[in-house]
Structure formats: C-alpha cells, structure tokens
Amino acid sequence: MDYYRGDQRAGITAPDLMQRCSFSEHIVRARGKRTCYSSVSLDRHAIERFGECDYLVLQDGLHRDNHDLVQHAALVGHLEQAARERDKAERRLSIQALRYARLRREGLIAWNFKLDGVERKNVISWAYDKVQEYFQRC
C-alpha cells in the first residue's frame, strides 16, 4: 500500500530528531511543529490541506535504511491499546489521536538516523537533506 505526505514544493519538512514524543502527542499536539516522526497517509485526499503538493513515500528506501514505517493499522492498534491501558490524561489524548489517525488514515515514519558527529544546532538542517531521498513528488 502506498503512503503519501503533503508538504512544501521545496521539499519535505525535516523532522527534529531530538524532539521525542509519543505517537499520540505527535498526532494531536505536533501539527505545525517538528518531532522525531513524519506523518504520512494512505489517502492523498485526506491530507490535501497539509501542504502545497503531495509526495509518495519510497518504502523500499525506508526499509533498506532501517527506518520504521508504522503502518496505519498498527498505529490504530497502538492508540487503541493506549486508550484502554494508560492513565486518564494519556487515555484522553490517545482517543483524540485515534480520531485523527482514522480520519486521515495516518501512518508514521519513525526515523532511525545515526546522529554521531552532528551538533544539536545542526540536526534539523542535516535531517532535511537526508529525508528528501525517501519521497518522490507526485
């Protein structure tokens, strides 16, 4: 199954590999902010408002380089489990994330880049160059 991302014509927005968060936090609170994840969707039309143009995720490259594509079904399963098992605040956040993930048929890319030798202040610009090769403009 193909995954898509809506983003800028100039390229894919770089993740902030130093900004760790849960799947729920990324989906609900990180819109317009950078985290260690990149959101993608099985449905191009569900993400039309999230960028100037659409990109196709090149999954072979992700797998080759050991980045994790959290498939939509696995993400929904994870969020459902969190909604059942976590404390009240996390359950509420997970339920909201579940709504958004289902609506947008969302999946996530969890980047596994090695940051050895990359200064903290340069992580985002370094990541920008790296992530471009995993997407193709549609």
N, C-alpha and C. Protein backbone atom coordinates (compact mmCIF):
# COMPACT_ATOMS: atom_id res chain seq x y z
N MET A 1 0.83 -1.18 0.00
CA MET A 1 0.00 0.00 0.00
C MET A 1 0.88 1.25 0.00
N ASP A 2 0.48 2.21 -0.79
CA ASP A 2 1.24 3.45 -0.89
C ASP A 2 0.85 4.42 0.21
N TYR A 3 1.86 5.16 0.68
CA TYR A 3 1.65 6.23 1.66
C TYR A 3 2.08 7.55 1.02
N TYR A 4 1.42 8.62 1.45
CA TYR A 4 1.66 9.94 0.89
C TYR A 4 1.89 10.95 2.01
N ARG A 5 2.52 12.04 1.62
CA ARG A 5 2.72 13.15 2.55
C ARG A 5 2.46 14.45 1.79
N GLY A 6 1.73 15.34 2.40
CA GLY A 6 1.55 16.68 1.85
C GLY A 6 2.60 17.58 2.46
N ASP A 7 3.31 18.34 1.63
CA ASP A 7 4.37 19.19 2.17
C ASP A 7 4.66 20.32 1.19
N GLN A 8 5.74 21.02 1.41
CA GLN A 8 6.11 22.19 0.61
C GLN A 8 6.69 21.78 -0.74
N ARG A 9 6.56 22.65 -1.72
CA ARG A 9 7.13 22.39 -3.04
C ARG A 9 8.66 22.26 -2.97
N ALA A 10 9.27 22.97 -2.07
CA ALA A 10 10.73 22.96 -1.95
C ALA A 10 11.26 21.65 -1.38
N GLY A 11 10.39 20.85 -0.78
CA GLY A 11 10.82 19.58 -0.23
C GLY A 11 10.09 19.22 1.05
N ILE A 12 10.45 18.06 1.55
CA ILE A 12 9.83 17.54 2.77
C ILE A 12 10.38 18.29 3.98
N THR A 13 9.48 18.66 4.88
CA THR A 13 9.89 19.31 6.12
C THR A 13 10.72 18.33 6.94
N ALA A 14 11.84 18.80 7.42
CA ALA A 14 12.73 17.94 8.20
C ALA A 14 12.16 17.68 9.58
N PRO A 15 12.32 16.45 10.08
CA PRO A 15 11.94 16.19 11.46
C PRO A 15 12.99 16.74 12.42
N ASP A 16 12.59 16.98 13.66
CA ASP A 16 13.56 17.31 14.71
C ASP A 16 13.84 16.01 15.45
N LEU A 17 14.89 15.35 15.07
CA LEU A 17 15.20 14.02 15.60
C LEU A 17 15.48 14.02 17.09
N MET A 18 15.69 15.19 17.66
CA MET A 18 15.95 15.30 19.09
C MET A 18 14.65 15.48 19.89
N GLN A 19 13.56 15.80 19.21
CA GLN A 19 12.29 16.06 19.88
C GLN A 19 11.48 14.78 19.99
N ARG A 20 11.61 14.09 21.12
CA ARG A 20 10.93 12.82 21.36
C ARG A 20 9.52 13.07 21.90
N CYS A 21 8.58 12.22 21.49
CA CYS A 21 7.22 12.28 21.99
C CYS A 21 6.54 10.96 21.69
N SER A 22 5.35 10.78 22.23
CA SER A 22 4.57 9.58 21.95
C SER A 22 3.87 9.75 20.60
N PHE A 23 3.34 8.65 20.08
CA PHE A 23 2.55 8.72 18.85
C PHE A 23 1.37 9.67 19.05
N SER A 24 0.69 9.54 20.18
CA SER A 24 -0.48 10.37 20.46
C SER A 24 -0.11 11.85 20.50
N GLU A 25 0.97 12.18 21.18
CA GLU A 25 1.40 13.57 21.26
C GLU A 25 1.72 14.12 19.87
N HIS A 26 2.39 13.32 19.06
CA HIS A 26 2.73 13.77 17.71
C HIS A 26 1.46 14.07 16.91
N ILE A 27 0.51 13.17 16.94
CA ILE A 27 -0.69 13.31 16.13
C ILE A 27 -1.56 14.48 16.60
N VAL A 28 -1.71 14.66 17.90
CA VAL A 28 -2.63 15.67 18.43
C VAL A 28 -1.97 17.03 18.61
N ARG A 29 -0.76 17.06 19.14
CA ARG A 29 -0.17 18.34 19.55
C ARG A 29 0.93 18.87 18.63
N ALA A 30 1.42 18.06 17.73
CA ALA A 30 2.60 18.47 16.98
C ALA A 30 2.31 19.01 15.59
N ARG A 31 1.06 19.26 15.25
CA ARG A 31 0.78 19.83 13.93
C ARG A 31 1.47 21.17 13.81
N GLY A 32 2.26 21.31 12.79
CA GLY A 32 3.00 22.55 12.58
C GLY A 32 4.28 22.64 13.38
N LYS A 33 4.57 21.61 14.16
CA LYS A 33 5.81 21.54 14.93
C LYS A 33 6.59 20.32 14.45
N ARG A 34 7.84 20.28 14.79
CA ARG A 34 8.67 19.16 14.35
C ARG A 34 8.93 18.21 15.50
N THR A 35 8.81 16.92 15.21
CA THR A 35 9.16 15.88 16.18
C THR A 35 10.04 14.86 15.46
N CYS A 36 10.31 13.77 16.12
CA CYS A 36 11.14 12.73 15.53
C CYS A 36 10.36 11.88 14.52
N TYR A 37 9.07 12.17 14.33
CA TYR A 37 8.23 11.42 13.39
C TYR A 37 7.83 12.30 12.21
N SER A 38 7.49 11.64 11.11
CA SER A 38 6.86 12.31 9.97
C SER A 38 5.54 11.61 9.71
N SER A 39 4.46 12.38 9.62
CA SER A 39 3.14 11.82 9.35
C SER A 39 2.99 11.55 7.86
N VAL A 40 2.35 10.44 7.56
CA VAL A 40 2.04 10.04 6.19
C VAL A 40 0.62 9.50 6.17
N SER A 41 0.05 9.30 4.99
CA SER A 41 -1.33 8.85 4.90
C SER A 41 -1.52 7.88 3.74
N LEU A 42 -2.45 6.95 3.93
CA LEU A 42 -2.84 6.05 2.85
C LEU A 42 -3.75 6.75 1.84
N ASP A 43 -4.30 7.89 2.20
CA ASP A 43 -5.28 8.59 1.39
C ASP A 43 -4.79 10.00 1.05
N ARG A 44 -4.42 10.21 -0.20
CA ARG A 44 -3.93 11.53 -0.62
C ARG A 44 -4.94 12.63 -0.36
N HIS A 45 -6.20 12.33 -0.52
CA HIS A 45 -7.23 13.36 -0.37
C HIS A 45 -7.44 13.75 1.10
N ALA A 46 -7.10 12.86 2.01
CA ALA A 46 -7.29 13.15 3.44
C ALA A 46 -6.25 14.14 3.96
N ILE A 47 -5.19 14.37 3.19
CA ILE A 47 -4.12 15.26 3.65
C ILE A 47 -3.91 16.46 2.74
N GLU A 48 -4.87 16.74 1.88
CA GLU A 48 -4.72 17.84 0.92
C GLU A 48 -4.40 19.18 1.57
N ARG A 49 -4.90 19.40 2.76
CA ARG A 49 -4.68 20.70 3.41
C ARG A 49 -3.34 20.79 4.11
N PHE A 50 -2.53 19.75 4.05
CA PHE A 50 -1.26 19.72 4.77
C PHE A 50 -0.05 20.02 3.90
N GLY A 51 -0.20 20.79 2.87
CA GLY A 51 0.97 21.15 2.09
C GLY A 51 0.60 21.66 0.71
N GLU A 52 1.61 22.11 0.02
CA GLU A 52 1.42 22.66 -1.32
C GLU A 52 1.37 21.58 -2.39
N CYS A 53 1.99 20.45 -2.12
CA CYS A 53 1.97 19.35 -3.08
C CYS A 53 2.11 18.02 -2.35
N ASP A 54 1.87 16.94 -3.07
CA ASP A 54 1.91 15.61 -2.48
C ASP A 54 3.19 14.89 -2.86
N TYR A 55 3.63 14.04 -1.94
CA TYR A 55 4.80 13.20 -2.14
C TYR A 55 4.44 11.75 -1.85
N LEU A 56 5.01 10.86 -2.61
CA LEU A 56 4.88 9.43 -2.40
C LEU A 56 6.04 8.96 -1.53
N VAL A 57 5.75 8.16 -0.52
CA VAL A 57 6.79 7.59 0.33
C VAL A 57 7.45 6.44 -0.41
N LEU A 58 8.76 6.47 -0.51
CA LEU A 58 9.53 5.40 -1.16
C LEU A 58 9.90 4.37 -0.09
N GLN A 59 9.00 3.41 0.10
CA GLN A 59 9.12 2.46 1.20
C GLN A 59 10.33 1.55 1.10
N ASP A 60 10.76 1.21 -0.09
CA ASP A 60 11.95 0.35 -0.23
C ASP A 60 13.16 1.01 0.41
N GLY A 61 13.32 2.31 0.21
CA GLY A 61 14.43 3.04 0.81
C GLY A 61 14.34 3.07 2.33
N LEU A 62 13.12 3.27 2.84
CA LEU A 62 12.94 3.27 4.30
C LEU A 62 13.39 1.93 4.89
N HIS A 63 12.91 0.85 4.29
CA HIS A 63 13.25 -0.48 4.80
C HIS A 63 14.74 -0.76 4.66
N ARG A 64 15.31 -0.40 3.53
CA ARG A 64 16.74 -0.62 3.29
C ARG A 64 17.59 0.06 4.36
N ASP A 65 17.18 1.26 4.76
CA ASP A 65 17.98 2.05 5.69
C ASP A 65 17.49 1.96 7.14
N ASN A 66 16.62 0.99 7.39
CA ASN A 66 16.15 0.67 8.76
C ASN A 66 15.35 1.78 9.44
N HIS A 67 14.59 2.53 8.67
CA HIS A 67 13.64 3.47 9.26
C HIS A 67 12.32 2.72 9.40
N ASP A 68 11.53 3.09 10.38
CA ASP A 68 10.30 2.36 10.67
C ASP A 68 9.09 3.08 10.10
N LEU A 69 8.37 2.40 9.23
CA LEU A 69 7.08 2.89 8.76
C LEU A 69 6.03 2.22 9.64
N VAL A 70 5.40 3.00 10.50
CA VAL A 70 4.34 2.49 11.36
C VAL A 70 3.07 2.52 10.52
N GLN A 71 2.67 1.36 10.04
CA GLN A 71 1.51 1.25 9.16
C GLN A 71 0.26 1.74 9.88
N HIS A 72 -0.71 2.18 9.12
CA HIS A 72 -1.96 2.71 9.67
C HIS A 72 -2.60 1.73 10.67
N ALA A 73 -2.75 0.48 10.28
CA ALA A 73 -3.41 -0.50 11.16
C ALA A 73 -2.64 -0.68 12.46
N ALA A 74 -1.33 -0.72 12.39
CA ALA A 74 -0.51 -0.87 13.60
C ALA A 74 -0.62 0.37 14.49
N LEU A 75 -0.66 1.54 13.87
CA LEU A 75 -0.80 2.79 14.63
C LEU A 75 -2.15 2.82 15.34
N VAL A 76 -3.21 2.47 14.64
CA VAL A 76 -4.54 2.44 15.25
C VAL A 76 -4.56 1.44 16.40
N GLY A 77 -3.96 0.28 16.21
CA GLY A 77 -3.89 -0.72 17.28
C GLY A 77 -3.14 -0.20 18.50
N HIS A 78 -2.05 0.47 18.27
CA HIS A 78 -1.26 1.05 19.37
C HIS A 78 -2.08 2.10 20.12
N LEU A 79 -2.77 2.96 19.38
CA LEU A 79 -3.57 4.01 20.01
C LEU A 79 -4.76 3.43 20.77
N GLU A 80 -5.38 2.39 20.23
CA GLU A 80 -6.49 1.73 20.92
C GLU A 80 -6.01 1.12 22.24
N GLN A 81 -4.86 0.49 22.21
CA GLN A 81 -4.30 -0.10 23.42
C GLN A 81 -3.99 0.99 24.46
N ALA A 82 -3.40 2.08 24.02
CA ALA A 82 -3.10 3.20 24.93
C ALA A 82 -4.38 3.77 25.51
N ALA A 83 -5.44 3.83 24.72
CA ALA A 83 -6.72 4.37 25.20
C ALA A 83 -7.35 3.47 26.26
N ARG A 84 -7.01 2.20 26.26
CA ARG A 84 -7.53 1.26 27.26
C ARG A 84 -6.68 1.19 28.51
N GLU A 85 -5.35 1.33 28.35
CA GLU A 85 -4.44 0.94 29.42
C GLU A 85 -3.72 2.07 30.15
N ARG A 86 -3.69 3.23 29.62
CA ARG A 86 -2.90 4.31 30.22
C ARG A 86 -3.70 5.08 31.27
N ASP A 87 -3.06 6.05 31.90
CA ASP A 87 -3.77 6.88 32.89
C ASP A 87 -4.76 7.79 32.16
N LYS A 88 -5.61 8.47 32.93
CA LYS A 88 -6.72 9.22 32.36
C LYS A 88 -6.28 10.24 31.31
N ALA A 89 -5.28 11.03 31.61
CA ALA A 89 -4.83 12.07 30.67
C ALA A 89 -4.30 11.45 29.38
N GLU A 90 -3.54 10.39 29.49
CA GLU A 90 -3.00 9.73 28.30
C GLU A 90 -4.10 9.03 27.51
N ARG A 91 -5.09 8.49 28.21
CA ARG A 91 -6.22 7.86 27.51
C ARG A 91 -6.97 8.89 26.67
N ARG A 92 -7.22 10.06 27.25
CA ARG A 92 -7.93 11.12 26.53
C ARG A 92 -7.15 11.56 25.29
N LEU A 93 -5.85 11.72 25.45
CA LEU A 93 -5.01 12.10 24.33
C LEU A 93 -5.01 11.01 23.26
N SER A 94 -4.93 9.76 23.68
CA SER A 94 -4.93 8.63 22.74
C SER A 94 -6.25 8.53 21.98
N ILE A 95 -7.35 8.80 22.65
CA ILE A 95 -8.67 8.76 21.98
C ILE A 95 -8.75 9.85 20.92
N GLN A 96 -8.26 11.05 21.23
CA GLN A 96 -8.25 12.13 20.24
C GLN A 96 -7.33 11.77 19.07
N ALA A 97 -6.16 11.23 19.38
CA ALA A 97 -5.22 10.82 18.33
C ALA A 97 -5.84 9.74 17.45
N LEU A 98 -6.58 8.85 18.04
CA LEU A 98 -7.24 7.79 17.30
C LEU A 98 -8.24 8.36 16.30
N ARG A 99 -8.99 9.36 16.72
CA ARG A 99 -9.93 10.02 15.80
C ARG A 99 -9.20 10.62 14.61
N TYR A 100 -8.14 11.37 14.89
CA TYR A 100 -7.38 12.00 13.81
C TYR A 100 -6.73 10.96 12.90
N ALA A 101 -6.14 9.93 13.48
CA ALA A 101 -5.44 8.91 12.69
C ALA A 101 -6.41 8.18 11.77
N ARG A 102 -7.59 7.88 12.27
CA ARG A 102 -8.59 7.21 11.42
C ARG A 102 -9.09 8.13 10.32
N LEU A 103 -9.35 9.38 10.68
CA LEU A 103 -9.85 10.35 9.71
C LEU A 103 -8.87 10.52 8.55
N ARG A 104 -7.60 10.61 8.86
CA ARG A 104 -6.58 10.86 7.84
C ARG A 104 -5.90 9.59 7.33
N ARG A 105 -6.34 8.42 7.85
CA ARG A 105 -5.72 7.13 7.50
C ARG A 105 -4.21 7.23 7.66
N GLU A 106 -3.82 7.74 8.80
CA GLU A 106 -2.45 8.14 9.08
C GLU A 106 -1.56 6.96 9.45
N GLY A 107 -0.32 7.07 9.03
CA GLY A 107 0.78 6.24 9.48
C GLY A 107 1.90 7.18 9.88
N LEU A 108 2.95 6.65 10.43
CA LEU A 108 4.07 7.48 10.86
C LEU A 108 5.39 6.89 10.38
N ILE A 109 6.33 7.75 10.10
CA ILE A 109 7.70 7.31 9.87
C ILE A 109 8.50 7.66 11.11
N ALA A 110 9.09 6.65 11.72
CA ALA A 110 9.98 6.85 12.86
C ALA A 110 11.40 6.75 12.31
N TRP A 111 12.07 7.87 12.27
CA TRP A 111 13.40 7.94 11.66
C TRP A 111 14.45 7.36 12.60
N ASN A 112 15.37 6.58 12.05
CA ASN A 112 16.44 5.95 12.83
C ASN A 112 17.82 6.36 12.33
N PHE A 113 17.99 7.64 12.10
CA PHE A 113 19.28 8.15 11.67
C PHE A 113 20.28 8.12 12.83
N LYS A 114 21.52 7.87 12.52
CA LYS A 114 22.60 7.97 13.50
C LYS A 114 23.08 9.41 13.51
N LEU A 115 23.07 10.02 14.66
CA LEU A 115 23.42 11.43 14.77
C LEU A 115 24.84 11.65 15.25
N ASP A 116 25.68 10.63 15.19
CA ASP A 116 27.06 10.76 15.62
C ASP A 116 27.74 11.88 14.84
N GLY A 117 28.32 12.81 15.55
CA GLY A 117 29.07 13.89 14.92
C GLY A 117 28.22 15.07 14.45
N VAL A 118 26.88 15.00 14.64
CA VAL A 118 26.02 16.10 14.24
C VAL A 118 25.73 16.96 15.48
N GLU A 119 26.07 18.23 15.40
CA GLU A 119 25.81 19.13 16.52
C GLU A 119 24.31 19.36 16.65
N ARG A 120 23.85 19.52 17.88
CA ARG A 120 22.43 19.72 18.17
C ARG A 120 21.85 20.85 17.33
N LYS A 121 22.57 21.94 17.19
CA LYS A 121 22.05 23.09 16.44
C LYS A 121 21.91 22.81 14.95
N ASN A 122 22.56 21.75 14.46
CA ASN A 122 22.53 21.43 13.03
C ASN A 122 21.64 20.24 12.68
N VAL A 123 20.98 19.65 13.66
CA VAL A 123 20.23 18.42 13.43
C VAL A 123 19.13 18.60 12.39
N ILE A 124 18.36 19.67 12.48
CA ILE A 124 17.24 19.84 11.55
C ILE A 124 17.72 20.05 10.12
N SER A 125 18.71 20.90 9.91
CA SER A 125 19.21 21.11 8.55
C SER A 125 19.88 19.84 8.02
N TRP A 126 20.56 19.11 8.88
CA TRP A 126 21.18 17.84 8.48
C TRP A 126 20.09 16.85 8.06
N ALA A 127 19.01 16.76 8.87
CA ALA A 127 17.92 15.83 8.58
C ALA A 127 17.18 16.22 7.30
N TYR A 128 17.07 17.52 7.02
CA TYR A 128 16.38 17.96 5.81
C TYR A 128 16.99 17.30 4.58
N ASP A 129 18.29 17.34 4.47
CA ASP A 129 18.96 16.73 3.32
C ASP A 129 18.75 15.22 3.28
N LYS A 130 18.73 14.59 4.42
CA LYS A 130 18.62 13.13 4.49
C LYS A 130 17.24 12.61 4.10
N VAL A 131 16.18 13.27 4.56
CA VAL A 131 14.83 12.72 4.35
C VAL A 131 14.32 12.87 2.91
N GLN A 132 14.90 13.77 2.14
CA GLN A 132 14.40 14.01 0.79
C GLN A 132 14.43 12.74 -0.07
N GLU A 133 15.42 11.90 0.13
CA GLU A 133 15.58 10.72 -0.72
C GLU A 133 14.50 9.66 -0.50
N TYR A 134 13.69 9.81 0.53
CA TYR A 134 12.66 8.82 0.84
C TYR A 134 11.28 9.22 0.32
N PHE A 135 11.22 10.28 -0.46
CA PHE A 135 9.97 10.78 -1.00
C PHE A 135 10.14 11.15 -2.47
N GLN A 136 9.06 10.97 -3.22
CA GLN A 136 9.04 11.36 -4.63
C GLN A 136 7.79 12.21 -4.85
N ARG A 137 7.99 13.36 -5.47
CA ARG A 137 6.85 14.24 -5.74
C ARG A 137 5.88 13.56 -6.69
N CYS A 138 4.58 13.65 -6.37
CA CYS A 138 3.54 13.03 -7.21
C CYS A 138 3.12 13.98 -8.31
